[in-house]
Amino acid sequence: MADSKAPGYIREKSKCAVIVAHPDDETLWAGGLMLMHPEVEWTVVTMCRKSDSDRAPKFFKALEKLNAMGFMADLDDGPEQRPLNHAEVRRTIEVLLPPERFDLLITHGSSGEYTRHLRHEETAKAVLALWKDGRLPAEHVWAFAYEDGDRRYLPRAIERADLLIELPDEIWREKYSIITNIYGFSRNSWEARTTPRQEAFWCLKAAC
């Protein structure tokens, strides 16, 4: 059953990092959570599009709405989805993130959120490897929990996920506004139609 509250360890001055492949992933998959908790010290890292003259400025405008600081990298994001060197992905994360311990890390699910984007999967694998090696210290780690039925429908929350958060209407509208008004996706776009009203996470350490 969905709840409208995050666990008690997300509180004022909690240090939480969201590590994603692309600008807009942070908003699509966890923007509601971030908007519901402006008291948190949010850091967002995106692995791609730093040199994208359209998307990069929009990313930082979105972070203003999300009350977050952010950093970008410029890993290859071509349509061919050539596999990246895993060591390079891990190094990129370590360079971008502030050298501190986080209360919570949030990243992609190991299979991504839809069928399929290799950068999502590579980002998830790198984050988990760094965390397990103690090189990315965090008390709790969450992974986005969405699926699209092998493209049979738009991505949606996995009902059996460890944590389901039902977004209040005003929070969802603000999240949707970031996708359409800041990132500039049309109302008929995949992104706008996908924007979840329910956010879902797997909890990879400790009970949610």
N, C-alpha and C. Protein backbone atom coordinates (compact mmCIF):
# COMPACT_ATOMS: atom_id res chain seq x y z
N MET A 1 0.85 -1.20 0.00
CA MET A 1 0.00 0.00 0.00
C MET A 1 0.88 1.25 0.00
N ALA A 2 0.54 2.21 -0.83
CA ALA A 2 1.35 3.42 -0.93
C ALA A 2 1.14 4.31 0.27
N ASP A 3 2.19 5.02 0.62
CA ASP A 3 2.16 5.98 1.70
C ASP A 3 2.53 7.33 1.12
N SER A 4 2.29 8.39 1.86
CA SER A 4 2.67 9.73 1.39
C SER A 4 3.87 10.25 2.17
N LYS A 5 4.48 9.38 2.97
CA LYS A 5 5.60 9.82 3.79
C LYS A 5 6.82 8.96 3.52
N ALA A 6 7.99 9.59 3.59
CA ALA A 6 9.24 8.86 3.49
C ALA A 6 9.65 8.41 4.89
N PRO A 7 10.58 7.47 4.98
CA PRO A 7 11.03 6.98 6.30
C PRO A 7 11.59 8.09 7.17
N GLY A 8 11.59 7.84 8.47
CA GLY A 8 11.97 8.86 9.44
C GLY A 8 13.40 9.34 9.34
N TYR A 9 14.28 8.56 8.71
CA TYR A 9 15.66 9.02 8.63
C TYR A 9 15.86 10.07 7.54
N ILE A 10 14.82 10.35 6.75
CA ILE A 10 14.86 11.50 5.85
C ILE A 10 14.28 12.67 6.62
N ARG A 11 15.16 13.52 7.09
CA ARG A 11 14.73 14.59 7.99
C ARG A 11 15.62 15.81 7.73
N GLU A 12 15.38 16.86 8.50
CA GLU A 12 16.13 18.10 8.31
C GLU A 12 17.64 17.84 8.39
N LYS A 13 18.34 18.36 7.41
CA LYS A 13 19.80 18.27 7.31
C LYS A 13 20.31 16.88 6.96
N SER A 14 19.41 15.94 6.64
CA SER A 14 19.89 14.68 6.10
C SER A 14 20.63 14.95 4.80
N LYS A 15 21.70 14.21 4.58
CA LYS A 15 22.47 14.36 3.34
C LYS A 15 22.10 13.22 2.41
N CYS A 16 21.46 13.57 1.31
CA CYS A 16 20.96 12.57 0.38
C CYS A 16 21.46 12.88 -1.03
N ALA A 17 21.91 11.85 -1.73
CA ALA A 17 22.41 12.03 -3.09
C ALA A 17 21.58 11.19 -4.05
N VAL A 18 21.26 11.79 -5.18
CA VAL A 18 20.54 11.11 -6.26
C VAL A 18 21.50 11.02 -7.44
N ILE A 19 21.83 9.81 -7.86
CA ILE A 19 22.84 9.59 -8.90
C ILE A 19 22.14 8.97 -10.10
N VAL A 20 22.08 9.73 -11.20
CA VAL A 20 21.30 9.31 -12.36
C VAL A 20 22.13 9.41 -13.63
N ALA A 21 21.60 8.83 -14.68
CA ALA A 21 22.29 8.84 -15.96
C ALA A 21 22.10 10.15 -16.71
N HIS A 22 20.88 10.69 -16.66
CA HIS A 22 20.55 11.85 -17.50
C HIS A 22 19.85 12.95 -16.72
N PRO A 23 20.03 14.20 -17.14
CA PRO A 23 19.19 15.27 -16.61
C PRO A 23 17.74 14.98 -16.99
N ASP A 24 16.89 15.01 -16.05
CA ASP A 24 15.45 14.74 -16.01
C ASP A 24 15.13 13.44 -15.30
N ASP A 25 16.10 12.48 -15.24
CA ASP A 25 15.87 11.24 -14.48
C ASP A 25 15.59 11.54 -13.01
N GLU A 26 16.30 12.53 -12.46
CA GLU A 26 16.10 12.86 -11.05
C GLU A 26 14.65 13.31 -10.79
N THR A 27 14.08 14.04 -11.74
CA THR A 27 12.72 14.55 -11.58
C THR A 27 11.69 13.46 -11.86
N LEU A 28 11.87 12.72 -12.94
CA LEU A 28 10.91 11.67 -13.29
C LEU A 28 10.74 10.65 -12.18
N TRP A 29 11.84 10.15 -11.66
CA TRP A 29 11.79 8.97 -10.79
C TRP A 29 11.82 9.31 -9.31
N ALA A 30 12.29 10.50 -8.92
CA ALA A 30 12.37 10.84 -7.49
C ALA A 30 12.04 12.29 -7.20
N GLY A 31 11.56 13.02 -8.20
CA GLY A 31 11.29 14.44 -7.99
C GLY A 31 10.23 14.73 -6.95
N GLY A 32 9.24 13.87 -6.86
CA GLY A 32 8.20 14.07 -5.84
C GLY A 32 8.77 13.96 -4.44
N LEU A 33 9.59 12.94 -4.22
CA LEU A 33 10.25 12.77 -2.92
C LEU A 33 11.07 14.00 -2.56
N MET A 34 11.81 14.52 -3.53
CA MET A 34 12.65 15.68 -3.28
C MET A 34 11.80 16.91 -2.96
N LEU A 35 10.73 17.10 -3.71
CA LEU A 35 9.85 18.25 -3.47
C LEU A 35 9.16 18.16 -2.11
N MET A 36 8.88 16.95 -1.66
CA MET A 36 8.22 16.76 -0.36
C MET A 36 9.16 17.00 0.81
N HIS A 37 10.48 17.02 0.52
CA HIS A 37 11.46 17.15 1.60
C HIS A 37 12.50 18.23 1.28
N PRO A 38 12.07 19.49 1.24
CA PRO A 38 13.02 20.58 0.96
C PRO A 38 14.00 20.81 2.10
N GLU A 39 13.75 20.21 3.26
CA GLU A 39 14.66 20.37 4.40
C GLU A 39 15.92 19.52 4.27
N VAL A 40 15.90 18.58 3.32
CA VAL A 40 17.04 17.69 3.10
C VAL A 40 18.13 18.41 2.30
N GLU A 41 19.39 18.06 2.55
CA GLU A 41 20.50 18.56 1.75
C GLU A 41 20.68 17.62 0.55
N TRP A 42 20.01 17.94 -0.55
CA TRP A 42 20.02 17.10 -1.73
C TRP A 42 21.21 17.42 -2.64
N THR A 43 21.86 16.38 -3.12
CA THR A 43 22.89 16.50 -4.15
C THR A 43 22.49 15.59 -5.30
N VAL A 44 22.48 16.11 -6.51
CA VAL A 44 22.13 15.32 -7.69
C VAL A 44 23.33 15.26 -8.63
N VAL A 45 23.66 14.06 -9.06
CA VAL A 45 24.75 13.84 -10.02
C VAL A 45 24.15 13.20 -11.26
N THR A 46 24.45 13.75 -12.42
CA THR A 46 24.03 13.15 -13.68
C THR A 46 25.26 12.80 -14.49
N MET A 47 25.26 11.61 -15.08
CA MET A 47 26.46 11.09 -15.72
C MET A 47 26.67 11.60 -17.14
N CYS A 48 25.63 12.16 -17.75
CA CYS A 48 25.70 12.55 -19.15
C CYS A 48 25.17 13.98 -19.36
N ARG A 49 25.50 14.53 -20.51
CA ARG A 49 24.93 15.75 -21.06
C ARG A 49 25.52 17.06 -20.53
N LYS A 50 26.67 17.03 -19.91
CA LYS A 50 27.27 18.27 -19.43
C LYS A 50 27.50 19.27 -20.57
N SER A 51 27.86 18.78 -21.74
CA SER A 51 28.13 19.67 -22.87
C SER A 51 26.90 19.94 -23.72
N ASP A 52 25.76 19.43 -23.30
CA ASP A 52 24.50 19.65 -24.03
C ASP A 52 24.00 21.06 -23.72
N SER A 53 24.10 21.94 -24.68
CA SER A 53 23.77 23.35 -24.44
C SER A 53 22.29 23.58 -24.17
N ASP A 54 21.46 22.62 -24.51
CA ASP A 54 20.03 22.73 -24.21
C ASP A 54 19.71 22.12 -22.85
N ARG A 55 20.13 20.88 -22.65
CA ARG A 55 19.71 20.14 -21.45
C ARG A 55 20.44 20.58 -20.19
N ALA A 56 21.71 20.92 -20.29
CA ALA A 56 22.48 21.25 -19.09
C ALA A 56 21.91 22.45 -18.34
N PRO A 57 21.61 23.60 -18.99
CA PRO A 57 21.03 24.72 -18.25
C PRO A 57 19.68 24.36 -17.62
N LYS A 58 18.91 23.53 -18.31
CA LYS A 58 17.61 23.13 -17.77
C LYS A 58 17.78 22.29 -16.51
N PHE A 59 18.82 21.47 -16.49
CA PHE A 59 19.10 20.65 -15.31
C PHE A 59 19.27 21.54 -14.08
N PHE A 60 20.06 22.60 -14.21
CA PHE A 60 20.31 23.45 -13.04
C PHE A 60 19.08 24.28 -12.66
N LYS A 61 18.25 24.63 -13.63
CA LYS A 61 16.98 25.29 -13.30
C LYS A 61 16.06 24.34 -12.56
N ALA A 62 16.04 23.08 -12.98
CA ALA A 62 15.23 22.09 -12.28
C ALA A 62 15.70 21.91 -10.84
N LEU A 63 17.02 21.91 -10.65
CA LEU A 63 17.56 21.74 -9.30
C LEU A 63 17.18 22.90 -8.39
N GLU A 64 17.02 24.09 -8.93
CA GLU A 64 16.56 25.21 -8.12
C GLU A 64 15.17 24.92 -7.56
N LYS A 65 14.31 24.35 -8.39
CA LYS A 65 12.96 23.99 -7.93
C LYS A 65 13.00 22.84 -6.93
N LEU A 66 13.98 21.96 -7.10
CA LEU A 66 14.09 20.79 -6.22
C LEU A 66 14.91 21.08 -4.97
N ASN A 67 15.40 22.30 -4.84
CA ASN A 67 16.20 22.71 -3.68
C ASN A 67 17.43 21.81 -3.53
N ALA A 68 18.15 21.64 -4.65
CA ALA A 68 19.29 20.72 -4.67
C ALA A 68 20.49 21.38 -5.32
N MET A 69 21.66 20.85 -4.98
CA MET A 69 22.88 21.21 -5.69
C MET A 69 23.20 20.06 -6.64
N GLY A 70 23.95 20.35 -7.70
CA GLY A 70 24.17 19.28 -8.65
C GLY A 70 25.46 19.39 -9.42
N PHE A 71 25.86 18.26 -10.00
CA PHE A 71 27.08 18.15 -10.77
C PHE A 71 26.81 17.28 -11.99
N MET A 72 27.47 17.60 -13.09
CA MET A 72 27.25 16.88 -14.34
C MET A 72 28.55 16.30 -14.88
N ALA A 73 28.44 15.16 -15.55
CA ALA A 73 29.55 14.59 -16.31
C ALA A 73 29.13 14.52 -17.77
N ASP A 74 30.02 14.02 -18.59
CA ASP A 74 29.78 14.04 -20.03
C ASP A 74 30.11 12.70 -20.67
N LEU A 75 29.71 11.61 -20.00
CA LEU A 75 29.92 10.30 -20.59
C LEU A 75 29.11 10.16 -21.87
N ASP A 76 29.59 9.32 -22.76
CA ASP A 76 28.92 9.14 -24.05
C ASP A 76 27.46 8.75 -23.87
N ASP A 77 26.58 9.43 -24.60
CA ASP A 77 25.15 9.14 -24.51
C ASP A 77 24.55 9.03 -25.90
N GLY A 78 25.34 8.54 -26.83
CA GLY A 78 24.87 8.41 -28.20
C GLY A 78 23.77 7.38 -28.33
N PRO A 79 22.98 7.47 -29.39
CA PRO A 79 21.85 6.54 -29.58
C PRO A 79 22.29 5.09 -29.75
N GLU A 80 23.56 4.88 -30.09
CA GLU A 80 24.04 3.51 -30.26
C GLU A 80 24.15 2.76 -28.93
N GLN A 81 24.20 3.52 -27.82
CA GLN A 81 24.36 2.93 -26.48
C GLN A 81 25.53 1.95 -26.44
N ARG A 82 26.67 2.43 -26.87
CA ARG A 82 27.86 1.59 -26.75
C ARG A 82 28.19 1.39 -25.27
N PRO A 83 28.49 0.19 -24.84
CA PRO A 83 28.82 -0.04 -23.43
C PRO A 83 30.01 0.79 -22.99
N LEU A 84 29.92 1.33 -21.78
CA LEU A 84 31.00 2.11 -21.21
C LEU A 84 31.91 1.21 -20.37
N ASN A 85 33.13 1.65 -20.19
CA ASN A 85 34.06 0.97 -19.30
C ASN A 85 33.57 1.17 -17.86
N HIS A 86 33.35 0.08 -17.14
CA HIS A 86 32.77 0.18 -15.80
C HIS A 86 33.67 0.98 -14.85
N ALA A 87 34.98 0.83 -15.00
CA ALA A 87 35.90 1.58 -14.14
C ALA A 87 35.75 3.08 -14.40
N GLU A 88 35.53 3.45 -15.65
CA GLU A 88 35.35 4.87 -15.97
C GLU A 88 34.08 5.43 -15.34
N VAL A 89 33.02 4.65 -15.36
CA VAL A 89 31.76 5.09 -14.75
C VAL A 89 31.95 5.29 -13.25
N ARG A 90 32.63 4.34 -12.61
CA ARG A 90 32.86 4.46 -11.16
C ARG A 90 33.73 5.67 -10.84
N ARG A 91 34.78 5.87 -11.62
CA ARG A 91 35.66 7.04 -11.39
C ARG A 91 34.88 8.34 -11.54
N THR A 92 34.00 8.39 -12.50
CA THR A 92 33.22 9.60 -12.74
C THR A 92 32.35 9.93 -11.54
N ILE A 93 31.73 8.94 -10.97
CA ILE A 93 30.89 9.16 -9.78
C ILE A 93 31.74 9.67 -8.63
N GLU A 94 32.89 9.06 -8.42
CA GLU A 94 33.75 9.47 -7.31
C GLU A 94 34.25 10.90 -7.48
N VAL A 95 34.51 11.30 -8.72
CA VAL A 95 34.97 12.67 -8.97
C VAL A 95 33.86 13.68 -8.73
N LEU A 96 32.64 13.34 -9.11
CA LEU A 96 31.54 14.29 -9.04
C LEU A 96 30.97 14.48 -7.64
N LEU A 97 30.88 13.40 -6.88
CA LEU A 97 30.22 13.49 -5.57
C LEU A 97 31.14 14.10 -4.52
N PRO A 98 30.61 14.96 -3.66
CA PRO A 98 31.42 15.48 -2.56
C PRO A 98 31.94 14.33 -1.69
N PRO A 99 33.16 14.44 -1.17
CA PRO A 99 33.76 13.35 -0.38
C PRO A 99 33.21 13.34 1.05
N GLU A 100 32.01 12.86 1.21
CA GLU A 100 31.40 12.82 2.53
C GLU A 100 30.48 11.61 2.63
N ARG A 101 30.07 11.31 3.83
CA ARG A 101 29.15 10.21 4.04
C ARG A 101 27.72 10.70 3.88
N PHE A 102 26.91 9.93 3.17
CA PHE A 102 25.52 10.30 2.95
C PHE A 102 24.59 9.45 3.81
N ASP A 103 23.49 10.04 4.21
CA ASP A 103 22.47 9.27 4.90
C ASP A 103 21.75 8.34 3.93
N LEU A 104 21.61 8.80 2.68
CA LEU A 104 20.86 8.03 1.69
C LEU A 104 21.42 8.28 0.30
N LEU A 105 21.61 7.20 -0.45
CA LEU A 105 21.92 7.27 -1.87
C LEU A 105 20.72 6.71 -2.64
N ILE A 106 20.35 7.37 -3.72
CA ILE A 106 19.27 6.90 -4.58
C ILE A 106 19.79 6.82 -6.00
N THR A 107 19.53 5.71 -6.68
CA THR A 107 20.00 5.57 -8.06
C THR A 107 19.03 4.69 -8.84
N HIS A 108 19.42 4.37 -10.06
CA HIS A 108 18.58 3.55 -10.94
C HIS A 108 18.46 2.12 -10.43
N GLY A 109 17.41 1.45 -10.86
CA GLY A 109 17.30 0.02 -10.63
C GLY A 109 18.28 -0.72 -11.52
N SER A 110 18.63 -1.92 -11.14
CA SER A 110 19.64 -2.68 -11.88
C SER A 110 19.19 -2.99 -13.31
N SER A 111 17.89 -3.00 -13.56
CA SER A 111 17.37 -3.23 -14.91
C SER A 111 16.82 -1.95 -15.53
N GLY A 112 17.10 -0.81 -14.90
CA GLY A 112 16.55 0.44 -15.39
C GLY A 112 15.08 0.56 -15.07
N GLU A 113 14.46 1.57 -15.64
CA GLU A 113 13.05 1.86 -15.35
C GLU A 113 12.14 1.53 -16.53
N TYR A 114 12.76 1.23 -17.66
CA TYR A 114 12.00 0.87 -18.85
C TYR A 114 12.92 0.08 -19.78
N THR A 115 12.36 -0.49 -20.80
CA THR A 115 13.09 -1.36 -21.74
C THR A 115 13.61 -0.52 -22.90
N ARG A 116 14.90 -0.38 -23.02
CA ARG A 116 15.88 -0.39 -21.96
C ARG A 116 16.88 0.68 -22.26
N HIS A 117 17.61 1.15 -21.28
CA HIS A 117 18.67 2.14 -21.49
C HIS A 117 19.90 1.70 -20.72
N LEU A 118 20.96 1.41 -21.49
CA LEU A 118 22.17 0.86 -20.90
C LEU A 118 22.79 1.80 -19.88
N ARG A 119 22.69 3.11 -20.09
CA ARG A 119 23.32 4.05 -19.15
C ARG A 119 22.67 3.96 -17.77
N HIS A 120 21.38 3.72 -17.70
CA HIS A 120 20.72 3.53 -16.40
C HIS A 120 21.31 2.33 -15.68
N GLU A 121 21.44 1.24 -16.41
CA GLU A 121 21.94 0.00 -15.81
C GLU A 121 23.40 0.15 -15.38
N GLU A 122 24.20 0.81 -16.20
CA GLU A 122 25.61 1.01 -15.86
C GLU A 122 25.77 1.90 -14.64
N THR A 123 24.94 2.93 -14.55
CA THR A 123 25.00 3.83 -13.38
C THR A 123 24.65 3.06 -12.11
N ALA A 124 23.58 2.28 -12.16
CA ALA A 124 23.19 1.49 -10.99
C ALA A 124 24.30 0.54 -10.57
N LYS A 125 24.89 -0.16 -11.52
CA LYS A 125 25.95 -1.12 -11.22
C LYS A 125 27.14 -0.43 -10.57
N ALA A 126 27.51 0.74 -11.08
CA ALA A 126 28.66 1.47 -10.54
C ALA A 126 28.40 1.96 -9.13
N VAL A 127 27.22 2.52 -8.89
CA VAL A 127 26.88 3.01 -7.55
C VAL A 127 26.94 1.88 -6.54
N LEU A 128 26.34 0.75 -6.87
CA LEU A 128 26.31 -0.38 -5.94
C LEU A 128 27.71 -0.94 -5.69
N ALA A 129 28.52 -0.97 -6.72
CA ALA A 129 29.89 -1.47 -6.55
C ALA A 129 30.69 -0.56 -5.63
N LEU A 130 30.57 0.75 -5.81
CA LEU A 130 31.28 1.70 -4.96
C LEU A 130 30.79 1.63 -3.52
N TRP A 131 29.49 1.48 -3.35
CA TRP A 131 28.93 1.39 -2.00
C TRP A 131 29.41 0.11 -1.30
N LYS A 132 29.36 -1.00 -1.99
CA LYS A 132 29.79 -2.27 -1.39
C LYS A 132 31.27 -2.28 -1.07
N ASP A 133 32.07 -1.54 -1.85
CA ASP A 133 33.51 -1.45 -1.60
C ASP A 133 33.86 -0.42 -0.53
N GLY A 134 32.85 0.28 -0.01
CA GLY A 134 33.10 1.30 1.00
C GLY A 134 33.66 2.59 0.45
N ARG A 135 33.64 2.74 -0.87
CA ARG A 135 34.18 3.96 -1.48
C ARG A 135 33.11 5.02 -1.69
N LEU A 136 31.87 4.64 -1.44
CA LEU A 136 30.76 5.58 -1.50
C LEU A 136 29.91 5.34 -0.25
N PRO A 137 30.36 5.86 0.88
CA PRO A 137 29.72 5.52 2.15
C PRO A 137 28.33 6.13 2.29
N ALA A 138 27.39 5.27 2.69
CA ALA A 138 26.01 5.72 2.91
C ALA A 138 25.33 4.74 3.85
N GLU A 139 24.44 5.27 4.65
CA GLU A 139 23.70 4.44 5.61
C GLU A 139 22.62 3.62 4.91
N HIS A 140 21.98 4.23 3.92
CA HIS A 140 20.88 3.58 3.21
C HIS A 140 21.07 3.79 1.71
N VAL A 141 20.65 2.80 0.92
CA VAL A 141 20.70 2.89 -0.54
C VAL A 141 19.36 2.46 -1.10
N TRP A 142 18.80 3.28 -1.97
CA TRP A 142 17.55 2.95 -2.65
C TRP A 142 17.79 2.89 -4.14
N ALA A 143 17.01 2.05 -4.81
CA ALA A 143 17.01 1.99 -6.27
C ALA A 143 15.59 2.23 -6.77
N PHE A 144 15.47 3.00 -7.85
CA PHE A 144 14.16 3.23 -8.44
C PHE A 144 13.51 1.89 -8.78
N ALA A 145 12.20 1.80 -8.55
CA ALA A 145 11.47 0.55 -8.81
C ALA A 145 10.30 0.81 -9.75
N TYR A 146 10.60 0.77 -11.04
CA TYR A 146 9.60 0.98 -12.09
C TYR A 146 9.81 -0.06 -13.18
N GLU A 147 8.77 -0.30 -13.97
CA GLU A 147 8.89 -1.23 -15.10
C GLU A 147 7.83 -0.86 -16.15
N ASP A 148 8.06 -1.34 -17.38
CA ASP A 148 7.15 -0.99 -18.47
C ASP A 148 6.59 -2.22 -19.19
N GLY A 149 6.65 -3.37 -18.52
CA GLY A 149 6.09 -4.58 -19.13
C GLY A 149 6.68 -4.90 -20.49
N ASP A 150 8.01 -4.68 -20.61
CA ASP A 150 8.69 -4.92 -21.89
C ASP A 150 8.05 -4.09 -22.99
N ARG A 151 7.86 -2.79 -22.67
CA ARG A 151 7.34 -1.78 -23.59
C ARG A 151 5.83 -1.90 -23.85
N ARG A 152 5.13 -2.70 -23.09
CA ARG A 152 3.69 -2.84 -23.32
C ARG A 152 2.90 -1.65 -22.77
N TYR A 153 3.50 -0.89 -21.85
CA TYR A 153 2.85 0.30 -21.30
C TYR A 153 3.93 1.24 -20.81
N LEU A 154 3.51 2.45 -20.43
CA LEU A 154 4.46 3.43 -19.92
C LEU A 154 5.02 2.96 -18.58
N PRO A 155 6.25 3.37 -18.24
CA PRO A 155 6.82 2.97 -16.95
C PRO A 155 5.91 3.33 -15.78
N ARG A 156 5.82 2.42 -14.85
CA ARG A 156 5.00 2.66 -13.66
C ARG A 156 5.62 1.97 -12.46
N ALA A 157 5.18 2.41 -11.29
CA ALA A 157 5.72 1.88 -10.04
C ALA A 157 5.45 0.38 -9.95
N ILE A 158 6.45 -0.33 -9.44
CA ILE A 158 6.28 -1.76 -9.18
C ILE A 158 5.55 -1.92 -7.84
N GLU A 159 4.41 -2.54 -7.87
CA GLU A 159 3.56 -2.60 -6.68
C GLU A 159 4.20 -3.34 -5.52
N ARG A 160 5.09 -4.27 -5.83
CA ARG A 160 5.73 -5.05 -4.75
C ARG A 160 7.01 -4.39 -4.24
N ALA A 161 7.30 -3.17 -4.69
CA ALA A 161 8.51 -2.46 -4.26
C ALA A 161 8.50 -2.29 -2.74
N ASP A 162 9.70 -2.10 -2.18
CA ASP A 162 9.82 -1.94 -0.73
C ASP A 162 9.15 -0.67 -0.22
N LEU A 163 9.17 0.36 -1.04
CA LEU A 163 8.61 1.64 -0.62
C LEU A 163 7.83 2.26 -1.77
N LEU A 164 6.57 2.55 -1.52
CA LEU A 164 5.71 3.23 -2.50
C LEU A 164 5.23 4.53 -1.88
N ILE A 165 5.43 5.63 -2.59
CA ILE A 165 5.03 6.93 -2.08
C ILE A 165 4.00 7.53 -3.03
N GLU A 166 2.80 7.74 -2.54
CA GLU A 166 1.73 8.37 -3.31
C GLU A 166 1.92 9.88 -3.22
N LEU A 167 2.14 10.52 -4.36
CA LEU A 167 2.41 11.95 -4.35
C LEU A 167 1.12 12.75 -4.18
N PRO A 168 1.10 13.69 -3.24
CA PRO A 168 -0.04 14.60 -3.17
C PRO A 168 -0.20 15.35 -4.49
N ASP A 169 -1.43 15.74 -4.82
CA ASP A 169 -1.69 16.36 -6.12
C ASP A 169 -0.80 17.56 -6.39
N GLU A 170 -0.63 18.41 -5.36
CA GLU A 170 0.15 19.63 -5.59
C GLU A 170 1.63 19.32 -5.85
N ILE A 171 2.13 18.24 -5.22
CA ILE A 171 3.51 17.83 -5.46
C ILE A 171 3.66 17.27 -6.87
N TRP A 172 2.70 16.42 -7.27
CA TRP A 172 2.77 15.88 -8.62
C TRP A 172 2.69 16.99 -9.67
N ARG A 173 1.84 17.97 -9.47
CA ARG A 173 1.72 19.06 -10.43
C ARG A 173 3.02 19.84 -10.54
N GLU A 174 3.70 20.04 -9.41
CA GLU A 174 4.98 20.75 -9.44
C GLU A 174 6.03 19.92 -10.16
N LYS A 175 6.04 18.63 -9.91
CA LYS A 175 6.96 17.72 -10.61
C LYS A 175 6.68 17.73 -12.11
N TYR A 176 5.42 17.64 -12.48
CA TYR A 176 5.03 17.67 -13.89
C TYR A 176 5.43 18.98 -14.54
N SER A 177 5.33 20.07 -13.80
CA SER A 177 5.71 21.38 -14.32
C SER A 177 7.21 21.43 -14.61
N ILE A 178 8.01 20.80 -13.78
CA ILE A 178 9.46 20.77 -14.04
C ILE A 178 9.73 20.04 -15.36
N ILE A 179 9.03 18.93 -15.57
CA ILE A 179 9.21 18.16 -16.81
C ILE A 179 8.76 18.95 -18.03
N THR A 180 7.63 19.62 -17.95
CA THR A 180 7.07 20.29 -19.12
C THR A 180 7.55 21.73 -19.27
N ASN A 181 7.61 22.47 -18.18
CA ASN A 181 7.93 23.90 -18.28
C ASN A 181 9.42 24.20 -18.19
N ILE A 182 10.15 23.39 -17.45
CA ILE A 182 11.60 23.63 -17.34
C ILE A 182 12.35 22.77 -18.36
N TYR A 183 12.14 21.46 -18.33
CA TYR A 183 12.81 20.62 -19.31
C TYR A 183 12.22 20.79 -20.71
N GLY A 184 10.98 21.28 -20.78
CA GLY A 184 10.41 21.64 -22.07
C GLY A 184 9.79 20.51 -22.86
N PHE A 185 9.49 19.38 -22.23
CA PHE A 185 8.85 18.29 -22.93
C PHE A 185 7.37 18.61 -23.15
N SER A 186 6.88 18.33 -24.34
CA SER A 186 5.48 18.62 -24.65
C SER A 186 4.56 17.72 -23.82
N ARG A 187 3.31 18.12 -23.71
CA ARG A 187 2.36 17.33 -22.92
C ARG A 187 2.08 15.97 -23.54
N ASN A 188 2.38 15.83 -24.83
CA ASN A 188 2.19 14.54 -25.49
C ASN A 188 3.45 13.69 -25.54
N SER A 189 4.51 14.20 -24.95
CA SER A 189 5.79 13.49 -24.98
C SER A 189 5.76 12.25 -24.08
N TRP A 190 6.70 11.35 -24.34
CA TRP A 190 6.85 10.17 -23.49
C TRP A 190 7.11 10.59 -22.05
N GLU A 191 7.96 11.59 -21.87
CA GLU A 191 8.34 12.04 -20.52
C GLU A 191 7.14 12.57 -19.75
N ALA A 192 6.35 13.43 -20.41
CA ALA A 192 5.19 14.02 -19.72
C ALA A 192 4.14 12.95 -19.41
N ARG A 193 3.90 12.05 -20.35
CA ARG A 193 2.91 11.01 -20.12
C ARG A 193 3.36 10.00 -19.08
N THR A 194 4.68 9.85 -18.95
CA THR A 194 5.22 8.90 -17.99
C THR A 194 5.21 9.44 -16.57
N THR A 195 5.48 10.73 -16.37
CA THR A 195 5.71 11.33 -15.05
C THR A 195 4.88 10.66 -13.96
N PRO A 196 5.49 9.82 -13.12
CA PRO A 196 4.71 9.00 -12.19
C PRO A 196 4.06 9.80 -11.07
N ARG A 197 2.84 9.43 -10.76
CA ARG A 197 2.14 9.98 -9.59
C ARG A 197 2.50 9.18 -8.33
N GLN A 198 3.05 8.02 -8.54
CA GLN A 198 3.47 7.17 -7.43
C GLN A 198 4.95 6.86 -7.63
N GLU A 199 5.77 7.14 -6.61
CA GLU A 199 7.19 6.87 -6.71
C GLU A 199 7.52 5.62 -5.91
N ALA A 200 8.42 4.81 -6.48
CA ALA A 200 8.68 3.49 -5.91
C ALA A 200 10.18 3.24 -5.82
N PHE A 201 10.57 2.55 -4.75
CA PHE A 201 11.99 2.30 -4.49
C PHE A 201 12.20 0.91 -3.90
N TRP A 202 13.30 0.30 -4.29
CA TRP A 202 13.83 -0.87 -3.59
C TRP A 202 14.79 -0.34 -2.52
N CYS A 203 14.71 -0.89 -1.34
CA CYS A 203 15.59 -0.50 -0.25
C CYS A 203 16.70 -1.54 -0.12
N LEU A 204 17.91 -1.15 -0.43
CA LEU A 204 19.00 -2.10 -0.53
C LEU A 204 19.79 -2.25 0.75
N LYS A 205 19.49 -1.44 1.74
CA LYS A 205 20.10 -1.63 3.07
C LYS A 205 19.14 -1.10 4.10
N ALA A 206 18.93 -1.84 5.14
CA ALA A 206 18.05 -1.49 6.26
C ALA A 206 16.60 -1.45 5.79
N ALA A 207 15.70 -1.62 6.70
CA ALA A 207 14.28 -1.60 6.36
C ALA A 207 13.83 -0.17 6.11
N CYS A 208 12.94 0.01 5.13
CA CYS A 208 12.44 1.35 4.82
C CYS A 208 11.55 1.88 5.93
